[in-house]
Protein backbone atom coordinates (compact mmCIF):
# COMPACT_ATOMS: atom_id res chain seq x y z
CA UNK A 1 -20.55 -2.22 -0.44
CA UNK A 2 -18.63 -1.59 2.79
CA UNK A 3 -17.74 1.95 3.52
CA UNK A 4 -13.92 2.27 4.50
CA UNK A 5 -12.55 5.46 6.04
CA UNK A 6 -9.26 6.67 4.41
CA UNK A 7 -6.34 6.27 7.05
CA UNK A 8 -2.92 7.77 7.26
CA UNK A 9 0.00 5.42 7.51
CA UNK A 10 3.56 6.59 7.33
CA UNK A 11 6.11 4.22 6.15
CA UNK A 12 9.76 3.82 7.17
CA UNK A 13 11.97 2.09 4.78
CA UNK A 14 15.76 1.40 4.70
CA UNK A 15 17.28 1.70 1.26
CA UNK A 16 18.57 -1.64 -0.08
CA UNK A 17 16.45 -3.68 2.28
CA UNK A 18 13.33 -5.70 1.30
CA UNK A 19 10.06 -4.42 2.73
CA UNK A 20 6.76 -6.08 3.51
CA UNK A 21 3.79 -4.60 5.26
CA UNK A 22 0.57 -6.54 6.07
CA UNK A 23 -2.48 -4.39 6.15
CA UNK A 24 -5.57 -5.95 7.86
CA UNK A 25 -8.97 -4.35 7.26
CA UNK A 26 -11.49 -4.62 10.04
CA UNK A 27 -14.83 -3.03 10.83
CA UNK A 28 -15.89 -1.07 13.81
CA UNK A 29 -16.40 -4.26 15.86
CA UNK A 30 -12.90 -5.62 14.81
CA UNK A 31 -14.34 -8.18 12.46
CA UNK A 32 -12.25 -8.70 9.29
CA UNK A 33 -13.72 -7.14 6.24
CA UNK A 34 -14.03 -9.01 2.84
CA UNK A 35 -11.72 -7.06 0.57
CA UNK A 36 -11.99 -9.42 -2.26
CA UNK A 37 -13.34 -8.54 -5.76
CA UNK A 38 -11.28 -5.32 -6.19
CA UNK A 39 -8.12 -4.42 -7.96
CA UNK A 40 -5.38 -2.87 -5.81
CA UNK A 41 -2.61 -0.30 -6.62
CA UNK A 42 -0.05 1.17 -4.26
CA UNK A 43 2.48 3.82 -5.42
CA UNK A 44 5.39 5.69 -3.85
CA UNK A 45 6.13 9.00 -5.38
CA UNK A 46 9.41 10.77 -4.78
CA UNK A 47 10.73 13.84 -6.49
CA UNK A 48 12.02 11.79 -9.56
CA UNK A 49 9.77 8.85 -10.01
CA UNK A 50 6.79 6.75 -9.26
CA UNK A 51 7.44 3.34 -7.62
CA UNK A 52 4.81 0.66 -7.79
CA UNK A 53 4.61 -1.64 -4.85
CA UNK A 54 3.82 -5.36 -5.30
CA UNK A 55 0.43 -6.23 -3.86
CA UNK A 56 -0.62 -9.73 -2.74
CA UNK A 57 -4.39 -9.82 -2.32
CA UNK A 58 -4.73 -13.57 -2.23
CA UNK A 59 -6.13 -13.31 1.32
CA UNK A 60 -8.30 -10.39 0.62
CA UNK A 61 -11.42 -12.38 1.55
CA UNK A 62 -10.03 -12.42 5.06
CA UNK A 63 -9.24 -8.72 5.09
CA UNK A 64 -5.54 -9.00 4.46
CA UNK A 65 -3.38 -7.17 1.72
CA UNK A 66 0.27 -7.58 1.69
CA UNK A 67 2.46 -4.61 0.15
CA UNK A 68 6.02 -5.37 -0.66
CA UNK A 69 9.21 -3.98 -2.32
CA UNK A 70 12.46 -5.74 -3.32
CA UNK A 71 16.04 -4.44 -2.14
CA UNK A 72 16.56 -2.97 -5.62
CA UNK A 73 13.16 -1.02 -5.35
CA UNK A 74 13.76 0.40 -2.03
CA UNK A 75 17.28 1.39 -3.08
CA UNK A 76 15.67 3.51 -5.78
CA UNK A 77 13.34 5.49 -3.51
CA UNK A 78 14.47 8.95 -2.60
CA UNK A 79 14.80 9.96 1.00
CA UNK A 80 11.36 11.75 1.24
CA UNK A 81 8.32 10.59 -0.63
CA UNK A 82 4.59 10.13 -0.30
CA UNK A 83 2.46 7.07 -0.96
CA UNK A 84 -1.16 5.70 -1.27
CA UNK A 85 -3.13 2.48 -1.59
CA UNK A 86 -6.14 2.53 -3.89
CA UNK A 87 -8.77 -0.01 -4.84
CA UNK A 88 -10.67 0.00 -8.07
CA UNK A 89 -13.92 -1.82 -8.66
CA UNK A 90 -14.57 -3.84 -11.86
CA UNK A 91 -17.73 -1.88 -12.37
CA UNK A 92 -18.33 0.35 -15.38
CA UNK A 93 -17.56 3.04 -14.76
CA UNK A 94 -15.11 1.75 -12.12
CA UNK A 95 -15.32 3.01 -8.50
CA UNK A 96 -11.98 4.21 -7.29
CA UNK A 97 -11.28 4.59 -3.53
CA UNK A 98 -8.02 5.51 -1.63
CA UNK A 99 -7.64 3.39 1.38
CA UNK A 100 -4.34 4.54 2.89
CA UNK A 101 -2.00 7.26 2.31
CA UNK A 102 1.06 8.87 4.06
CA UNK A 103 4.65 9.95 3.86
CA UNK A 104 7.58 7.61 3.26
CA UNK A 105 10.92 8.14 5.13
CA UNK A 106 14.01 6.22 3.67
CA UNK A 107 17.13 5.64 5.56
CA UNK A 108 20.41 5.42 3.68
CA UNK A 109 22.18 2.08 3.33
CA UNK A 110 25.84 2.24 4.55
CA UNK A 111 26.98 -1.34 3.66
């Protein structure tokens, strides 16, 4: 298993807009890490609710995970929130690792 250091990544969203963020995982040499074989979950937590992000891990073998939210989902997120991305192994008991975390700032839609 490859050790991955937790990293902070603050997100800036605009309410009512779609959002997509591609996360590339690389080792100390800049080589892409194989991130396949894990289950991924990304959640934004504001004062009122938890909002699950859609995760595309189809290119995890090449170190790429894509996080996304629909326009409807970003419209429901409060102005200040926090988030994280975790991966869970299929082992028994499972191994759970937080890969990314940070704050979420959301701009208001005016149209």
